[in-house]
Every structure is written in C-alpha cells, then in structure tokens.
Amino acid sequence: MTSESEHKNTFYASTLSLKFSSHDNSSNLMLSSNVPRVCIEEPCILGVDEAGRGPVLGPMVYGICYCPISKVELLKDLGCADSKTLTEEKRKDIFNKICQETESLGWIIEAIAPNSICNSMLKRQKYSLNQVAQDSTVLLIKKAIETGVNVTEVYVDTVGPSEKYQDKLLEIFPHLKITVAKKADSIYPIVSAASICAKVSRDEALKVWTFPEQLQVSEEGYGSGYPNGNQTKQFPTSVLLF
C-alpha cells in the first residue's frame, strides 16, 4: 500500500485528483493531512465512515476525521452533514474547509482497490466485505494513534450488527470510548466529516480512473460507479458497443 502525506502544502479536493491520477489503481492508497499540534496535546474525538461500499466501478474508500473535543462545534460551523444529503459541489466545499483548518482538524483516507476487494472475497477461507471494511477501520484508527493523535473517543457508522462490531473494536482498543451506531453519519458531526472526506476522495478517484484494459470510454462516461446509477448500469454495454 502507498501512504502519502502533504507536509508543506494544504490538501484540497484538486490535490486528491492529482494523487489518484498518478497512482496505480490496482493497489490500495492511503492519503492523510498533517496532524495538528493541538490534536497531539488535547483529547480528541475521531469519526469513521465509508463511501462506495459494493461499487461496480472504482474503489471503496474509508475515511476518518479527528479533532480535539474542545473543537467539536467547529464541525457544525463548517456544515458537516451526511455526505449523501449534500451535492458534490457542497461536499467539495466542506472538504476544502476541513483541509484549511490545519490547526484543528485532521483526516486520513484509505482507497481500497477493486482488485483488493475481489482477492479478499475470493479467498478459500471466507473473508466478507464486512471484514474488509472493519479491517480498514482498525487500520485507520491505528494509523491516527501511531502519528500521535490523542484519540480518546471513536464514533463509527456500523458495518453489520452494531453491538458485535463495537465489542470487536473495544477488544482491539480497550482504552478508547467507542460508539458504533446505525446512521452515525447523520447523528455525529465527526462521522459526517469522515463521510465527506471518504465521498470526496472517491468522487475524485473516479474522475481520473484508468482501466488496465485500456477501454475507450464514451462521452457519456460511467456515472457514479454505484450499481443503482443509470449511467453505470449502461456502461458495460456501451463499452462493448463503442
């Protein structure tokens, strides 16, 4: 897996496009902001959410966002809400604002490549999409802690039964207060922020997506990459006819 962090310049949505365009999308990619000093010095809250679960095209992206507990109101001021209720432009605008809060907010995303998902699920020993998702969550929380973030509370949008998932995370991180809940992205602003980071990252990845088969994509494109999207449904046929 590739792991990169911007040490000199602030990340923006346009930076994500550049990172994804230069990356081999057959492998996973991790990107992160700098860690604000206050997030090392003060107790922090951390949220986890995903975008692109079960995609037809593009990666599944898991994201975390974190900030000091003393700065939680900042998330509401930035307009953090469930990314599915926001337009693409609004998501990008909020993501850019999150990136500008270099002294208060931090984030990390992992783009899980389709190859990685397929290889995991086709193993002889059963390895479900839920396990892939949960492993990414654990990896991102560990990454935040390893980089010095003083994580004390974690809020996660559930994958599978919430109580079972919460117990699993508490076994791994017994020193943390962990809440796993359905629709956490619409309840907790920190999860909303993570949702926005994940969704914007996936949107930008799809814009520069390249196919190893060197497919010629028509002007109509392939849409959102989600199985319920009309353009995405039509894409396989259009490629065969193009």
Protein backbone atom coordinates (compact mmCIF):
# COMPACT_ATOMS: atom_id res chain seq x y z
CA MET A 1 0.00 0.00 0.00
CA THR A 2 1.16 3.51 -0.79
CA SER A 3 0.97 6.07 2.03
CA GLU A 4 1.44 9.77 1.47
CA SER A 5 1.02 12.98 3.45
CA GLU A 6 1.32 16.61 2.45
CA HIS A 7 3.94 18.16 4.73
CA LYS A 8 4.26 21.60 3.17
CA ASN A 9 1.04 22.40 1.35
CA THR A 10 -2.60 22.19 2.34
CA PHE A 11 -4.59 19.36 0.77
CA TYR A 12 -7.61 20.23 -1.37
CA ALA A 13 -10.02 18.18 -3.48
CA SER A 14 -7.91 19.04 -6.53
CA THR A 15 -4.86 17.58 -4.76
CA LEU A 16 -6.73 14.30 -4.38
CA SER A 17 -7.23 14.14 -8.16
CA LEU A 18 -3.51 14.59 -8.72
CA LYS A 19 -2.67 11.87 -6.21
CA PHE A 20 -5.15 9.40 -7.69
CA SER A 21 -4.16 10.18 -11.29
CA SER A 22 -0.53 9.25 -10.56
CA HIS A 23 -1.43 6.09 -8.62
CA ASP A 24 -1.80 2.54 -9.92
CA ASN A 25 -5.45 1.92 -9.07
CA SER A 26 -4.93 -1.83 -8.85
CA SER A 27 -3.47 -1.29 -5.36
CA ASN A 28 -4.73 0.44 -2.21
CA LEU A 29 -3.82 4.05 -1.47
CA MET A 30 -3.69 5.90 1.84
CA LEU A 31 -3.65 9.70 1.99
CA SER A 32 -3.63 11.98 5.02
CA SER A 33 -3.44 15.53 6.26
CA ASN A 34 -0.81 16.77 8.65
CA VAL A 35 -1.54 16.19 12.34
CA PRO A 36 -2.39 19.48 14.07
CA ARG A 37 -0.31 20.03 17.21
CA VAL A 38 -3.46 20.56 19.28
CA CYS A 39 -4.58 17.02 18.32
CA ILE A 40 -1.45 15.68 19.99
CA GLU A 41 -1.80 17.84 23.08
CA GLU A 42 -5.56 17.57 23.74
CA PRO A 43 -8.01 14.63 23.96
CA CYS A 44 -9.55 14.02 20.53
CA ILE A 45 -12.72 12.64 19.05
CA LEU A 46 -12.47 10.53 15.87
CA GLY A 47 -15.15 9.52 13.35
CA VAL A 48 -15.15 6.73 10.76
CA ASP A 49 -17.28 6.27 7.63
CA GLU A 50 -17.06 4.93 4.09
CA ALA A 51 -18.06 5.66 0.52
CA GLY A 52 -18.55 3.22 -2.33
CA ARG A 53 -19.44 0.08 -0.45
CA GLY A 54 -20.04 -2.65 -3.06
CA PRO A 55 -19.18 -0.45 -6.08
CA VAL A 56 -19.43 -1.57 -9.69
CA LEU A 57 -16.60 0.80 -10.60
CA GLY A 58 -13.93 2.50 -8.55
CA PRO A 59 -12.62 1.95 -5.03
CA MET A 60 -14.34 1.57 -1.71
CA VAL A 61 -12.99 4.43 0.40
CA TYR A 62 -12.80 4.52 4.18
CA GLY A 63 -12.15 7.82 5.89
CA ILE A 64 -11.52 9.14 9.37
CA CYS A 65 -11.64 12.69 10.63
CA TYR A 66 -10.47 13.80 14.07
CA CYS A 67 -10.33 16.94 16.17
CA PRO A 68 -9.96 17.98 19.82
CA ILE A 69 -13.12 17.51 21.86
CA SER A 70 -12.88 21.23 22.61
CA LYS A 71 -13.31 21.98 18.87
CA VAL A 72 -16.35 19.81 18.09
CA GLU A 73 -18.59 22.84 17.46
CA LEU A 74 -16.30 23.78 14.57
CA LEU A 75 -17.64 20.79 12.63
CA LYS A 76 -21.18 22.16 12.79
CA ASP A 77 -19.93 25.61 11.75
CA LEU A 78 -18.35 24.04 8.66
CA GLY A 79 -21.69 22.45 7.73
CA CYS A 80 -20.70 18.83 8.26
CA ALA A 81 -23.67 16.58 7.49
CA ASP A 82 -24.20 13.13 5.99
CA SER A 83 -22.40 13.29 2.62
CA LYS A 84 -25.32 11.57 0.88
CA THR A 85 -27.54 14.58 1.63
CA LEU A 86 -25.07 17.05 0.07
CA THR A 87 -24.40 17.90 -3.55
CA GLU A 88 -20.99 17.07 -5.00
CA GLU A 89 -20.02 20.75 -5.03
CA LYS A 90 -21.12 21.23 -1.42
CA ARG A 91 -19.11 18.19 -0.34
CA LYS A 92 -16.02 19.54 -2.07
CA ASP A 93 -16.54 22.94 -0.48
CA ILE A 94 -16.77 21.45 3.03
CA PHE A 95 -13.80 19.14 2.40
CA ASN A 96 -11.70 22.12 1.35
CA LYS A 97 -12.77 23.96 4.50
CA ILE A 98 -11.80 20.93 6.61
CA CYS A 99 -8.39 20.98 4.92
CA GLN A 100 -7.98 24.68 5.68
CA GLU A 101 -8.47 24.05 9.41
CA THR A 102 -4.85 22.89 9.68
CA GLU A 103 -4.62 23.86 13.36
CA SER A 104 -7.74 21.97 14.45
CA LEU A 105 -8.78 19.14 12.11
CA GLY A 106 -7.05 16.13 10.60
CA TRP A 107 -8.09 13.25 8.36
CA ILE A 108 -6.90 10.03 6.74
CA ILE A 109 -8.47 8.04 3.90
CA GLU A 110 -7.80 4.57 2.53
CA ALA A 111 -8.93 3.84 -1.03
CA ILE A 112 -9.40 0.08 -1.25
CA ALA A 113 -8.83 -1.09 -4.82
CA PRO A 114 -11.37 -3.36 -6.57
CA ASN A 115 -8.56 -5.90 -7.02
CA SER A 116 -8.01 -5.95 -3.27
CA ILE A 117 -11.73 -6.42 -2.56
CA CYS A 118 -12.10 -9.25 -5.09
CA ASN A 119 -8.94 -11.04 -3.98
CA SER A 120 -10.07 -10.88 -0.36
CA MET A 121 -13.58 -12.16 -1.03
CA LEU A 122 -12.40 -14.99 -3.32
CA LYS A 123 -10.06 -16.49 -0.74
CA ARG A 124 -10.62 -20.14 0.14
CA GLN A 125 -11.22 -19.10 3.72
CA LYS A 126 -14.35 -16.95 3.86
CA TYR A 127 -13.48 -13.24 4.08
CA SER A 128 -16.51 -10.99 3.66
CA LEU A 129 -16.84 -7.39 2.56
CA ASN A 130 -17.73 -6.58 6.18
CA GLN A 131 -14.34 -7.92 7.27
CA VAL A 132 -12.56 -5.89 4.59
CA ALA A 133 -14.39 -2.79 5.83
CA GLN A 134 -13.71 -3.49 9.50
CA ASP A 135 -10.02 -4.12 8.83
CA SER A 136 -9.78 -0.73 7.12
CA THR A 137 -11.43 0.92 10.12
CA VAL A 138 -8.93 -0.68 12.50
CA LEU A 139 -6.02 0.26 10.24
CA LEU A 140 -7.07 3.92 10.09
CA ILE A 141 -7.61 4.23 13.85
CA LYS A 142 -4.20 2.64 14.48
CA LYS A 143 -2.63 5.00 11.93
CA ALA A 144 -4.05 8.06 13.71
CA ILE A 145 -2.75 6.83 17.07
CA GLU A 146 0.67 5.98 15.59
CA THR A 147 1.02 9.51 14.20
CA GLY A 148 0.48 10.92 17.68
CA VAL A 149 -3.21 11.84 17.70
CA ASN A 150 -4.51 11.73 21.28
CA VAL A 151 -7.62 9.71 20.44
CA THR A 152 -9.98 9.14 23.38
CA GLU A 153 -13.40 8.76 21.71
CA VAL A 154 -14.30 6.98 18.45
CA TYR A 155 -17.63 7.05 16.59
CA VAL A 156 -18.24 4.60 13.76
CA ASP A 157 -21.02 4.13 11.21
CA THR A 158 -21.88 0.46 11.61
CA VAL A 159 -20.97 -2.38 9.28
CA GLY A 160 -23.04 -5.40 10.27
CA PRO A 161 -24.60 -5.75 13.76
CA SER A 162 -23.56 -2.66 15.72
CA GLU A 163 -23.12 -4.34 19.14
CA LYS A 164 -20.93 -7.13 17.77
CA TYR A 165 -18.81 -4.65 15.81
CA GLN A 166 -18.46 -2.35 18.83
CA ASP A 167 -17.33 -5.25 21.02
CA LYS A 168 -14.73 -6.22 18.40
CA LEU A 169 -13.30 -2.69 18.32
CA LEU A 170 -13.26 -2.48 22.12
CA GLU A 171 -11.20 -5.68 22.24
CA ILE A 172 -8.62 -4.07 19.96
CA PHE A 173 -8.77 -0.62 21.56
CA PRO A 174 -9.79 -1.22 25.22
CA HIS A 175 -8.51 2.21 26.29
CA LEU A 176 -10.92 4.08 23.99
CA LYS A 177 -14.56 5.06 24.37
CA ILE A 178 -16.14 3.58 21.22
CA THR A 179 -19.65 4.05 19.86
CA VAL A 180 -20.84 2.09 16.82
CA ALA A 181 -24.26 3.14 15.55
CA LYS A 182 -26.55 2.93 12.55
CA LYS A 183 -26.67 6.17 10.55
CA ALA A 184 -23.88 7.60 12.71
CA ASP A 185 -23.08 9.94 9.82
CA SER A 186 -26.38 11.73 10.40
CA ILE A 187 -26.04 11.76 14.21
CA TYR A 188 -22.42 12.68 14.95
CA PRO A 189 -20.78 15.61 13.09
CA ILE A 190 -17.34 13.97 13.38
CA VAL A 191 -18.67 10.95 11.44
CA SER A 192 -20.28 13.33 8.95
CA ALA A 193 -16.86 14.90 8.42
CA ALA A 194 -15.32 11.45 7.86
CA SER A 195 -18.12 10.65 5.43
CA ILE A 196 -17.36 13.80 3.45
CA CYS A 197 -13.63 13.01 3.33
CA ALA A 198 -14.38 9.50 2.06
CA LYS A 199 -17.01 10.57 -0.50
CA VAL A 200 -14.96 13.43 -1.96
CA SER A 201 -11.95 11.13 -2.22
CA ARG A 202 -13.99 8.54 -4.11
CA ASP A 203 -15.51 11.20 -6.39
CA GLU A 204 -12.05 12.50 -7.28
CA ALA A 205 -10.69 8.97 -7.80
CA LEU A 206 -13.46 8.19 -10.29
CA LYS A 207 -12.79 11.36 -12.29
CA VAL A 208 -9.28 10.17 -13.14
CA TRP A 209 -9.95 6.42 -13.14
CA THR A 210 -7.99 4.45 -15.73
CA PHE A 211 -8.78 0.94 -16.92
CA PRO A 212 -5.92 -1.55 -17.32
CA GLU A 213 -7.84 -2.95 -20.30
CA GLN A 214 -7.32 0.47 -21.97
CA LEU A 215 -11.04 0.81 -22.58
CA GLN A 216 -12.26 3.70 -24.67
CA VAL A 217 -14.95 5.42 -22.65
CA SER A 218 -17.70 7.28 -24.50
CA GLU A 219 -18.51 10.93 -23.79
CA GLU A 220 -21.40 9.83 -21.57
CA GLY A 221 -18.87 8.35 -19.15
CA TYR A 222 -19.73 5.77 -16.50
CA GLY A 223 -21.55 7.81 -13.88
CA SER A 224 -21.19 7.37 -10.14
CA GLY A 225 -19.83 3.82 -10.18
CA TYR A 226 -22.72 2.69 -7.96
CA PRO A 227 -24.88 -0.23 -9.15
CA ASN A 228 -28.11 1.82 -8.91
CA GLY A 229 -26.84 4.59 -11.22
CA ASN A 230 -28.33 4.62 -14.72
CA GLN A 231 -25.06 5.60 -16.44
CA THR A 232 -23.20 2.93 -14.52
CA LYS A 233 -25.78 0.29 -15.49
CA GLN A 234 -25.39 1.22 -19.17
CA PHE A 235 -21.60 1.43 -19.10
CA PRO A 236 -20.71 -2.27 -19.66
CA THR A 237 -22.92 -2.44 -22.74
CA SER A 238 -21.70 0.90 -24.09
CA VAL A 239 -18.08 -0.23 -23.81
CA LEU A 240 -18.80 -3.41 -25.75
CA LEU A 241 -20.53 -1.39 -28.48
CA PHE A 242 -18.11 1.57 -28.54
